[in-house]
Amino acid sequence: MHIHWYPGHIAKAERQLKEKLNLVDVVIEVRDSRLPLSSSYANIEKLLGDKPRLLLLNKADLTDKTELKKWVSYLKQTTGCPVIITEAKGAKDLAIVVKTAVELSEPKIQALMAKGLLRRPARAMVVGMPNVGKSSVINKLTKSSKTKIGAKAGVTRQQQWVRINPKLDLLDTPGIIPTRQDNQAQAAKLAFVSSVSENAYSPEPVAKELLSYLADKDEVKEYYKVDDLALENIALARNWILKGSEPDIERTAIYVLKDFREGRLGLFILDDLPQD
């Protein structure tokens, strides 16, 4: 299996991000809760320098909450950043996001005021891989739909300022993704959650790889009514048959990926929590 990278606008977005970083006081990094490590940008610390960062583990409604709490503790310890769990639906978690972003920005605001400038709203930037839910987070913060949302990777292509409240302005940015990807295991996981454009891979090998991650999950076997999680078995169980009695592997692969992404197979975290 090989996943090919990258749409040119994403590489362009990374260059634009570097240019815009000096405009903001704090960075809000959004990750997919199903991939607390794999949905992070490998060089985020180098990219941001000393800029304060808030981590959001988004789409928590699609994960095992008990395991996710362990990840929150791990990430707080290893990054030194505040970590907040957020869900794709509902806005009850976003008041604390705004409060924390404003608090992280306060040293910069105080430094500006010490130079004789008037207090201004804190300025934040949302970053993250494609399709981790950046635009959804912004829309919930603003209680509107001013930013474009879609299920495909790389939907948000324009940067714009969004007024969250009188204390916080936010600059929306496209998802960051490395222009070169040498780690195909990480690439596969990103494809599982649709953080990679569908043009970059074929569904069949990605679905097979996903099923290998879920091979010991009884709830997935029960969902498909099979004893062995192979695409052929699932196709036959669903009666997805081509002419000549051959299982429709392509159709099955597409549905397996869709079932996982929409949470029908169960609540999973696919990254392994480092033990040390």
Protein backbone atom coordinates (compact mmCIF):
# COMPACT_ATOMS: atom_id res chain seq x y z
CA MET A 1 0.00 0.00 0.00
CA HIS A 2 1.28 3.43 -0.87
CA ILE A 3 -0.41 6.76 -0.20
CA HIS A 4 0.63 9.65 -2.41
CA TRP A 5 0.84 13.20 -1.13
CA TYR A 6 -0.05 16.25 -1.63
CA PRO A 7 -2.54 18.72 -3.13
CA GLY A 8 -0.60 21.86 -3.91
CA HIS A 9 -2.93 24.10 -1.91
CA ILE A 10 -1.96 22.30 1.32
CA ALA A 11 1.74 22.96 0.76
CA LYS A 12 0.81 26.56 0.01
CA ALA A 13 -1.23 26.70 3.22
CA GLU A 14 1.82 25.65 5.24
CA ARG A 15 3.85 28.49 3.76
CA GLN A 16 1.01 30.90 4.49
CA LEU A 17 0.79 29.61 8.05
CA LYS A 18 4.43 30.47 8.69
CA GLU A 19 3.76 33.96 7.38
CA LYS A 20 0.70 34.41 9.59
CA LEU A 21 2.16 33.08 12.84
CA ASN A 22 3.57 36.47 13.80
CA LEU A 23 0.00 37.84 13.74
CA VAL A 24 -1.31 35.61 16.55
CA ASP A 25 -0.73 35.24 20.27
CA VAL A 26 -1.76 31.59 20.67
CA VAL A 27 -2.17 28.49 18.49
CA ILE A 28 -5.07 26.06 18.89
CA GLU A 29 -3.97 22.69 17.51
CA VAL A 30 -6.86 20.34 16.69
CA ARG A 31 -6.22 16.61 16.57
CA ASP A 32 -8.50 13.66 15.85
CA SER A 33 -9.16 11.80 19.11
CA ARG A 34 -8.93 8.49 17.27
CA LEU A 35 -5.31 9.38 16.39
CA PRO A 36 -3.89 11.48 19.25
CA LEU A 37 -0.34 11.12 17.88
CA SER A 38 -0.77 10.29 14.20
CA SER A 39 -2.98 13.33 13.57
CA SER A 40 -0.30 15.68 14.89
CA TYR A 41 2.22 17.58 12.80
CA ALA A 42 5.67 16.12 13.45
CA ASN A 43 7.49 19.45 13.48
CA ILE A 44 4.83 21.53 15.24
CA GLU A 45 7.17 22.68 18.04
CA LYS A 46 9.83 23.81 15.57
CA LEU A 47 7.20 25.51 13.43
CA LEU A 48 5.60 27.41 16.31
CA GLY A 49 8.73 28.33 18.23
CA ASP A 50 7.76 29.80 21.61
CA LYS A 51 4.14 30.45 20.63
CA PRO A 52 1.70 29.19 23.33
CA ARG A 53 -0.34 26.17 22.18
CA LEU A 54 -3.67 24.65 23.21
CA LEU A 55 -4.39 21.06 22.16
CA LEU A 56 -7.93 19.98 21.28
CA LEU A 57 -8.66 16.26 20.98
CA ASN A 58 -11.68 16.56 18.71
CA LYS A 59 -14.33 14.03 17.61
CA ALA A 60 -14.18 12.48 21.07
CA ASP A 61 -17.68 11.09 20.50
CA LEU A 62 -16.06 8.56 18.15
CA THR A 63 -13.56 7.25 20.71
CA ASP A 64 -13.30 5.24 23.90
CA LYS A 65 -13.56 7.97 26.56
CA THR A 66 -11.73 5.98 29.25
CA GLU A 67 -8.71 5.47 27.00
CA LEU A 68 -8.90 9.07 25.82
CA LYS A 69 -8.48 10.37 29.36
CA LYS A 70 -5.17 8.48 29.55
CA TRP A 71 -4.09 10.26 26.38
CA VAL A 72 -5.00 13.63 27.88
CA SER A 73 -2.67 12.95 30.82
CA TYR A 74 0.09 11.73 28.53
CA LEU A 75 -0.10 14.72 26.18
CA LYS A 76 -0.23 17.23 29.02
CA GLN A 77 2.91 15.69 30.46
CA THR A 78 4.86 15.35 27.21
CA THR A 79 3.89 18.63 25.51
CA GLY A 80 3.43 20.91 28.52
CA CYS A 81 0.28 22.25 26.81
CA PRO A 82 -3.30 22.39 28.09
CA VAL A 83 -5.35 19.57 26.51
CA ILE A 84 -9.14 19.76 26.09
CA ILE A 85 -11.48 17.03 24.81
CA THR A 86 -14.05 18.27 22.29
CA GLU A 87 -16.82 16.55 20.33
CA ALA A 88 -17.97 16.92 16.77
CA LYS A 89 -21.49 17.69 17.97
CA GLY A 90 -22.54 20.02 20.76
CA ALA A 91 -20.83 23.13 22.08
CA LYS A 92 -20.67 22.52 25.83
CA ASP A 93 -16.89 22.09 25.70
CA LEU A 94 -16.08 25.30 23.86
CA ALA A 95 -16.45 27.86 26.67
CA ILE A 96 -13.34 26.36 28.27
CA VAL A 97 -11.57 26.51 24.90
CA VAL A 98 -12.17 30.26 24.66
CA LYS A 99 -11.20 30.83 28.30
CA THR A 100 -7.97 28.85 27.96
CA ALA A 101 -6.99 30.53 24.68
CA VAL A 102 -7.48 33.95 26.24
CA GLU A 103 -5.46 32.95 29.32
CA LEU A 104 -2.59 31.65 27.18
CA SER A 105 -2.57 34.93 25.26
CA GLU A 106 -2.49 37.15 28.33
CA PRO A 107 1.32 37.37 28.70
CA LYS A 108 1.58 38.70 25.14
CA ILE A 109 -1.25 41.17 25.75
CA GLN A 110 0.39 42.37 28.98
CA ALA A 111 3.70 42.80 27.17
CA LEU A 112 2.03 44.96 24.53
CA MET A 113 0.26 47.05 27.18
CA ALA A 114 3.59 47.54 28.98
CA LYS A 115 4.82 49.20 25.79
CA GLY A 116 1.94 51.67 25.98
CA LEU A 117 -0.47 49.97 23.58
CA LEU A 118 -4.18 49.65 24.37
CA ARG A 119 -5.58 46.25 25.29
CA ARG A 120 -6.86 44.37 22.25
CA PRO A 121 -8.57 40.99 21.82
CA ALA A 122 -6.29 37.98 21.98
CA ARG A 123 -5.49 36.59 18.54
CA ALA A 124 -5.54 32.86 17.93
CA MET A 125 -4.94 30.53 15.01
CA VAL A 126 -6.46 27.07 14.51
CA VAL A 127 -4.13 24.48 12.98
CA GLY A 128 -4.28 20.76 12.37
CA MET A 129 -4.44 18.00 9.80
CA PRO A 130 -7.25 18.12 7.21
CA ASN A 131 -10.65 16.93 8.41
CA VAL A 132 -9.86 16.90 12.14
CA GLY A 133 -12.73 19.34 12.62
CA LYS A 134 -11.10 22.78 12.60
CA SER A 135 -13.96 24.50 10.78
CA SER A 136 -16.54 22.75 12.96
CA VAL A 137 -14.75 24.01 16.07
CA ILE A 138 -14.73 27.56 14.69
CA ASN A 139 -18.39 27.41 13.69
CA LYS A 140 -19.38 26.27 17.15
CA LEU A 141 -17.27 28.99 18.72
CA THR A 142 -18.90 31.66 16.60
CA LYS A 143 -22.36 30.01 16.73
CA SER A 144 -22.60 30.46 12.98
CA SER A 145 -21.49 28.90 9.72
CA LYS A 146 -19.14 31.56 8.44
CA THR A 147 -16.45 29.03 7.57
CA LYS A 148 -16.81 26.36 4.94
CA ILE A 149 -17.30 22.83 6.27
CA GLY A 150 -17.13 19.55 4.41
CA ALA A 151 -16.35 15.87 4.93
CA LYS A 152 -13.55 15.86 2.39
CA ALA A 153 -9.92 16.56 3.29
CA GLY A 154 -8.71 20.07 2.56
CA VAL A 155 -12.09 21.82 2.26
CA THR A 156 -11.08 25.05 3.98
CA ARG A 157 -8.81 26.85 1.54
CA GLN A 158 -9.11 30.51 2.53
CA GLN A 159 -7.76 32.12 5.68
CA GLN A 160 -10.01 34.60 7.44
CA TRP A 161 -10.40 36.32 10.80
CA VAL A 162 -13.39 35.27 12.87
CA ARG A 163 -14.58 37.24 15.92
CA ILE A 164 -15.26 34.74 18.70
CA ASN A 165 -16.15 37.28 21.38
CA PRO A 166 -14.81 40.68 22.49
CA LYS A 167 -11.80 38.97 24.07
CA LEU A 168 -10.77 36.66 21.22
CA ASP A 169 -10.26 36.87 17.46
CA LEU A 170 -9.44 33.73 15.55
CA LEU A 171 -7.67 33.16 12.23
CA ASP A 172 -8.89 30.04 10.46
CA THR A 173 -6.26 28.14 8.44
CA PRO A 174 -6.28 25.04 6.24
CA GLY A 175 -5.01 21.82 7.78
CA ILE A 176 -1.27 21.38 7.87
CA ILE A 177 0.13 18.24 6.34
CA PRO A 178 3.81 17.56 5.59
CA THR A 179 4.79 18.07 1.97
CA ARG A 180 6.78 14.86 2.24
CA GLN A 181 5.47 11.78 4.03
CA ASP A 182 7.88 8.94 4.69
CA ASN A 183 5.79 7.20 7.34
CA GLN A 184 3.25 5.07 5.49
CA ALA A 185 1.84 3.62 8.73
CA GLN A 186 0.88 7.13 9.82
CA ALA A 187 -0.39 7.88 6.32
CA ALA A 188 -2.66 4.84 6.46
CA LYS A 189 -4.14 5.91 9.80
CA LEU A 190 -4.80 9.39 8.43
CA ALA A 191 -6.56 7.79 5.47
CA PHE A 192 -8.74 5.76 7.87
CA VAL A 193 -10.18 8.97 9.31
CA SER A 194 -10.33 10.81 5.96
CA SER A 195 -7.47 13.19 6.74
CA VAL A 196 -5.98 12.32 3.37
CA SER A 197 -7.61 13.21 0.08
CA GLU A 198 -9.38 10.25 -1.53
CA ASN A 199 -7.33 10.96 -4.64
CA ALA A 200 -4.19 9.89 -2.78
CA TYR A 201 -5.10 6.21 -2.26
CA SER A 202 -7.21 3.26 -3.38
CA PRO A 203 -9.95 2.16 -0.94
CA GLU A 204 -9.16 -1.56 -1.02
CA PRO A 205 -5.63 -1.59 0.48
CA VAL A 206 -6.57 1.08 3.02
CA ALA A 207 -9.68 -0.84 4.10
CA LYS A 208 -7.64 -4.05 4.41
CA GLU A 209 -5.12 -2.23 6.59
CA LEU A 210 -7.93 -0.85 8.77
CA LEU A 211 -9.43 -4.30 9.22
CA SER A 212 -6.02 -5.58 10.33
CA TYR A 213 -6.10 -2.99 13.14
CA LEU A 214 -9.60 -4.13 14.10
CA ALA A 215 -8.99 -7.88 13.65
CA ASP A 216 -9.48 -8.74 17.33
CA LYS A 217 -12.52 -6.52 17.89
CA ASP A 218 -15.54 -8.73 18.52
CA GLU A 219 -17.96 -5.83 18.08
CA VAL A 220 -16.73 -5.31 14.53
CA LYS A 221 -17.12 -9.00 13.70
CA GLU A 222 -20.62 -8.88 15.16
CA TYR A 223 -21.49 -5.80 13.11
CA TYR A 224 -20.56 -7.53 9.87
CA LYS A 225 -21.72 -10.99 10.98
CA VAL A 226 -18.40 -12.63 10.15
CA ASP A 227 -15.80 -14.61 12.09
CA ASP A 228 -12.86 -13.28 10.09
CA LEU A 229 -12.58 -9.61 9.11
CA ALA A 230 -11.64 -10.03 5.47
CA LEU A 231 -13.18 -7.88 2.74
CA GLU A 232 -14.27 -11.02 0.87
CA ASN A 233 -16.12 -12.35 3.92
CA ILE A 234 -17.84 -9.03 4.55
CA ALA A 235 -18.89 -8.76 0.90
CA LEU A 236 -20.40 -12.23 0.98
CA ALA A 237 -22.16 -11.56 4.30
CA ARG A 238 -23.71 -8.41 2.83
CA ASN A 239 -24.49 -10.18 -0.45
CA TRP A 240 -22.44 -7.65 -2.41
CA ILE A 241 -21.76 -9.90 -5.38
CA LEU A 242 -20.57 -9.12 -8.89
CA LYS A 243 -21.44 -11.06 -12.02
CA GLY A 244 -19.81 -14.44 -11.88
CA SER A 245 -20.43 -14.75 -8.14
CA GLU A 246 -17.34 -12.72 -7.29
CA PRO A 247 -17.45 -10.57 -4.11
CA ASP A 248 -17.59 -6.82 -4.80
CA ILE A 249 -14.37 -5.89 -3.03
CA GLU A 250 -14.27 -2.23 -4.07
CA ARG A 251 -17.79 -1.52 -2.84
CA THR A 252 -17.07 -3.36 0.40
CA ALA A 253 -13.87 -1.40 0.99
CA ILE A 254 -15.65 1.91 0.53
CA TYR A 255 -18.38 0.92 3.00
CA VAL A 256 -15.91 -0.40 5.60
CA LEU A 257 -14.09 2.93 5.60
CA LYS A 258 -17.37 4.82 5.79
CA ASP A 259 -18.66 2.63 8.64
CA PHE A 260 -15.50 3.26 10.65
CA ARG A 261 -15.45 7.00 10.02
CA GLU A 262 -19.06 7.37 11.15
CA GLY A 263 -18.57 5.33 14.33
CA ARG A 264 -20.75 2.39 13.38
CA LEU A 265 -18.05 -0.19 14.07
CA GLY A 266 -17.41 0.97 17.63
CA LEU A 267 -15.38 3.53 19.56
CA PHE A 268 -11.65 3.13 19.04
CA ILE A 269 -8.28 4.86 19.42
CA LEU A 270 -5.90 3.47 16.81
CA ASP A 271 -2.65 4.90 18.21
CA ASP A 272 -0.86 2.97 20.94
CA LEU A 273 -0.29 4.92 24.14
CA PRO A 274 3.47 5.00 24.85
CA GLN A 275 4.12 3.11 28.06
CA ASP A 276 7.18 4.99 29.26
